Amino acid sequence: MLIEDRKPKGDVKDSSYMRVCGNEQIADLMRKYHSTSIANGLELERLIFKFSKHPNTLRGQKLSDFDLSQKDAFVVQMKIDLATSKNIALDCFLATPNEIYVFEVKDGMNFCTKGSEGEISSLKKTVSFLRGRDPLSRPVIPKIVFWNCEDLSSASFKCKEGTPMLMLGREFARLVGIDKIKIDELRLLDQEANEKFFKADAKKILEGV
């Protein structure tokens, strides 16, 4: 995701960044930088779909419109339309002949207690909902994927209950048939472009252009 492509809504003069620094150019750059960081998660989902090698890859499905008896399907962005509570938007869903996996995919790997508990609660509700509806009665396995984590011991996830759900990005990639190396290479190119853009914009600010 490129910083230069971000167009945050609202007047920069009314932003919290303007209140922090009092400089419109700096505030605008900070807003774009923050917006890019948030959008990175959505871009990762898009790339996962694009570079999946799974023979049956789908995107943007509602569970109510999905044939849950399928034995081989990988869905990016699956909406679980709960009947009695708020709907849940899963990042990914995988059906195999023997198991169903539900995934939350995270670009980062540091979560506060409230964030950790929220993720676990959503996944537990999804697991319970699917178990009662799968015609094949497969086990439903919840996973929280740390895409950029190489060692789970370095991750910060403030809820012991969720520890068994944690999964490395490379393990997820193998399981669902994703070319993780290709995705990471593309994202590195964005890093290089973002560094150049940031330095150029910072130089303009320092020079008062």
Protein backbone atom coordinates (compact mmCIF):
# COMPACT_ATOMS: atom_id res chain seq x y z
CA MET A 1 0.00 0.00 0.00
CA LEU A 2 1.47 3.36 -1.07
CA ILE A 3 1.36 6.43 1.17
CA GLU A 4 1.01 8.75 -1.81
CA ASP A 5 -2.24 7.03 -2.83
CA ARG A 6 -3.99 7.64 0.49
CA LYS A 7 -6.58 10.38 0.71
CA PRO A 8 -7.85 10.58 4.31
CA LYS A 9 -11.32 12.09 4.68
CA GLY A 10 -11.96 15.35 6.46
CA ASP A 11 -10.13 18.64 6.70
CA VAL A 12 -6.57 18.21 7.91
CA LYS A 13 -6.96 21.45 9.90
CA ASP A 14 -9.54 19.70 12.11
CA SER A 15 -7.48 16.53 12.60
CA SER A 16 -5.89 15.31 15.82
CA TYR A 17 -2.54 15.38 14.02
CA MET A 18 -2.92 19.13 13.46
CA ARG A 19 -3.59 19.55 17.16
CA VAL A 20 -0.45 17.56 17.95
CA CYS A 21 2.01 19.42 15.73
CA GLY A 22 0.30 22.63 14.58
CA ASN A 23 1.76 22.28 11.09
CA GLU A 24 -0.62 21.49 8.23
CA GLN A 25 1.98 19.78 6.03
CA ILE A 26 3.26 17.58 8.85
CA ALA A 27 -0.28 16.74 9.94
CA ASP A 28 -1.23 15.77 6.37
CA LEU A 29 1.79 13.48 6.05
CA MET A 30 1.06 11.89 9.45
CA ARG A 31 -2.57 11.28 8.46
CA LYS A 32 -1.53 9.62 5.21
CA TYR A 33 1.04 7.48 7.01
CA HIS A 34 -1.55 6.33 9.59
CA SER A 35 -4.15 5.69 6.89
CA THR A 36 -1.66 3.54 4.97
CA SER A 37 -0.87 1.49 8.07
CA ILE A 38 -4.56 0.72 8.60
CA ALA A 39 -5.15 -0.05 4.91
CA ASN A 40 -2.27 -2.54 4.87
CA GLY A 41 -4.48 -5.18 6.47
CA LEU A 42 -7.08 -4.86 3.73
CA GLU A 43 -4.40 -4.95 1.08
CA LEU A 44 -3.01 -8.15 2.59
CA GLU A 45 -6.41 -9.82 2.19
CA ARG A 46 -6.52 -8.71 -1.45
CA LEU A 47 -3.05 -10.16 -2.10
CA ILE A 48 -3.91 -13.41 -0.33
CA PHE A 49 -6.83 -13.83 -2.72
CA LYS A 50 -4.77 -12.85 -5.75
CA PHE A 51 -1.88 -15.21 -5.06
CA SER A 52 -3.79 -18.18 -3.69
CA LYS A 53 -3.08 -21.44 -5.48
CA HIS A 54 -6.08 -23.18 -3.97
CA PRO A 55 -8.18 -24.83 -6.70
CA ASN A 56 -11.40 -23.27 -5.40
CA THR A 57 -10.72 -19.75 -4.16
CA LEU A 58 -13.66 -17.43 -3.55
CA ARG A 59 -14.02 -13.90 -2.26
CA GLY A 60 -16.66 -11.90 -0.47
CA GLN A 61 -19.04 -14.73 0.41
CA LYS A 62 -21.95 -14.78 2.84
CA LEU A 63 -22.33 -18.02 4.73
CA SER A 64 -26.08 -17.95 4.03
CA ASP A 65 -25.29 -18.09 0.29
CA PHE A 66 -22.45 -20.60 0.62
CA ASP A 67 -22.75 -24.36 0.20
CA LEU A 68 -21.28 -25.54 3.50
CA SER A 69 -21.18 -29.14 2.26
CA GLN A 70 -18.26 -28.25 -0.01
CA LYS A 71 -15.22 -30.37 0.79
CA ASP A 72 -12.61 -28.12 -0.78
CA ALA A 73 -12.96 -24.33 -0.69
CA PHE A 74 -10.91 -21.33 0.39
CA VAL A 75 -12.83 -18.09 0.98
CA VAL A 76 -11.26 -14.69 1.55
CA GLN A 77 -13.70 -12.44 3.44
CA MET A 78 -16.53 -14.60 4.67
CA LYS A 79 -19.48 -12.96 6.43
CA ILE A 80 -21.08 -15.07 9.12
CA ASP A 81 -24.63 -13.80 9.40
CA LEU A 82 -25.57 -14.69 12.97
CA ALA A 83 -29.29 -14.78 13.63
CA THR A 84 -29.29 -13.43 17.19
CA SER A 85 -26.31 -11.09 17.41
CA LYS A 86 -23.95 -8.92 15.43
CA ASN A 87 -22.60 -10.44 12.21
CA ILE A 88 -18.98 -11.53 12.05
CA ALA A 89 -16.65 -10.82 9.14
CA LEU A 90 -14.01 -13.55 8.89
CA ASP A 91 -10.79 -12.76 7.07
CA CYS A 92 -10.56 -16.29 5.67
CA PHE A 93 -12.44 -19.60 5.70
CA LEU A 94 -11.09 -22.98 4.59
CA ALA A 95 -13.11 -26.14 4.03
CA THR A 96 -11.29 -29.46 3.62
CA PRO A 97 -12.74 -32.98 3.50
CA ASN A 98 -11.88 -33.52 7.17
CA GLU A 99 -11.85 -30.07 8.80
CA ILE A 100 -13.05 -26.50 8.61
CA TYR A 101 -10.69 -23.66 9.52
CA VAL A 102 -11.68 -20.08 10.34
CA PHE A 103 -8.99 -17.41 10.30
CA GLU A 104 -8.32 -13.91 11.46
CA VAL A 105 -5.19 -12.69 9.64
CA LYS A 106 -3.10 -9.99 11.33
CA ASP A 107 -0.33 -7.95 9.77
CA GLY A 108 1.06 -7.15 13.21
CA MET A 109 1.65 -9.34 16.24
CA ASN A 110 1.07 -7.12 19.28
CA PHE A 111 -2.40 -7.01 20.83
CA CYS A 112 -3.77 -5.53 24.04
CA THR A 113 -5.98 -7.59 26.35
CA LYS A 114 -9.19 -6.06 25.00
CA GLY A 115 -8.17 -6.65 21.37
CA SER A 116 -7.11 -10.23 22.08
CA GLU A 117 -10.33 -11.06 23.91
CA GLY A 118 -12.40 -9.55 21.11
CA GLU A 119 -10.75 -11.72 18.47
CA ILE A 120 -11.21 -14.85 20.57
CA SER A 121 -14.85 -14.08 21.27
CA SER A 122 -15.64 -13.63 17.57
CA LEU A 123 -13.87 -16.85 16.61
CA LYS A 124 -15.59 -18.85 19.36
CA LYS A 125 -19.00 -17.63 18.21
CA THR A 126 -18.12 -18.56 14.64
CA VAL A 127 -16.96 -22.04 15.65
CA SER A 128 -20.15 -22.69 17.59
CA PHE A 129 -22.32 -21.41 14.73
CA LEU A 130 -20.59 -23.53 12.09
CA ARG A 131 -20.51 -26.72 14.15
CA GLY A 132 -24.28 -26.73 14.30
CA ARG A 133 -24.65 -26.29 10.55
CA ASP A 134 -21.96 -28.35 8.83
CA PRO A 135 -23.71 -31.31 7.17
CA LEU A 136 -20.41 -33.23 7.29
CA SER A 137 -19.95 -32.67 11.05
CA ARG A 138 -16.30 -31.71 10.65
CA PRO A 139 -14.28 -30.19 13.50
CA VAL A 140 -14.07 -26.39 13.21
CA ILE A 141 -10.62 -25.02 14.03
CA PRO A 142 -10.10 -21.31 14.85
CA LYS A 143 -6.78 -19.64 14.07
CA ILE A 144 -5.32 -16.17 14.52
CA VAL A 145 -2.58 -15.72 11.94
CA PHE A 146 0.40 -13.44 12.54
CA TRP A 147 1.47 -12.91 8.95
CA ASN A 148 4.88 -11.34 9.64
CA CYS A 149 5.77 -13.32 12.76
CA GLU A 150 8.62 -15.83 12.53
CA ASP A 151 8.46 -17.06 16.13
CA LEU A 152 5.29 -17.01 18.25
CA SER A 153 7.35 -16.49 21.39
CA SER A 154 8.06 -12.96 20.13
CA ALA A 155 4.36 -12.13 19.71
CA SER A 156 2.37 -10.21 22.31
CA PHE A 157 -1.14 -11.62 22.65
CA LYS A 158 -2.64 -10.73 26.02
CA CYS A 159 -4.99 -13.65 26.50
CA LYS A 160 -3.85 -17.17 27.44
CA GLU A 161 -7.09 -18.69 26.19
CA GLY A 162 -6.15 -17.72 22.63
CA THR A 163 -2.59 -19.06 22.67
CA PRO A 164 -3.52 -22.41 21.03
CA MET A 165 -5.19 -20.45 18.20
CA LEU A 166 -2.05 -18.59 17.16
CA MET A 167 -0.46 -19.48 13.82
CA LEU A 168 2.56 -18.24 11.87
CA GLY A 169 2.05 -16.68 8.47
CA ARG A 170 4.14 -19.31 6.71
CA GLU A 171 2.08 -22.11 8.29
CA PHE A 172 -1.12 -20.45 7.12
CA ALA A 173 0.31 -20.02 3.63
CA ARG A 174 1.19 -23.71 3.36
CA LEU A 175 -2.22 -24.77 4.60
CA VAL A 176 -4.29 -22.66 2.21
CA GLY A 177 -1.96 -22.66 -0.80
CA ILE A 178 -0.65 -19.11 -0.88
CA ASP A 179 2.56 -17.84 -2.43
CA LYS A 180 3.70 -15.93 0.67
CA ILE A 181 7.13 -15.17 -0.77
CA LYS A 182 5.59 -13.39 -3.76
CA ILE A 183 3.28 -11.36 -1.53
CA ASP A 184 6.11 -10.33 0.78
CA GLU A 185 8.28 -9.33 -2.19
CA LEU A 186 5.55 -7.06 -3.52
CA ARG A 187 5.06 -5.46 -0.14
CA LEU A 188 8.80 -4.79 0.14
CA LEU A 189 8.58 -2.82 -3.10
CA ASP A 190 5.89 -0.68 -1.49
CA GLN A 191 8.17 -0.14 1.50
CA GLU A 192 10.91 1.22 -0.75
CA ALA A 193 8.48 3.54 -2.55
CA ASN A 194 7.01 4.72 0.76
CA GLU A 195 10.45 5.50 2.17
CA LYS A 196 11.28 7.64 -0.87
CA PHE A 197 7.93 9.43 -0.69
CA PHE A 198 8.29 10.10 3.04
CA LYS A 199 11.82 11.47 2.69
CA ALA A 200 10.83 13.69 -0.25
CA ASP A 201 7.80 15.08 1.61
CA ALA A 202 9.80 15.58 4.81
CA LYS A 203 12.45 17.47 2.85
CA LYS A 204 9.78 19.82 1.46
CA ILE A 205 8.49 20.43 4.98
CA LEU A 206 11.97 21.16 6.36
CA GLU A 207 12.73 23.49 3.48
CA GLY A 208 9.40 25.25 3.88
CA VAL A 209 8.27 24.49 0.36
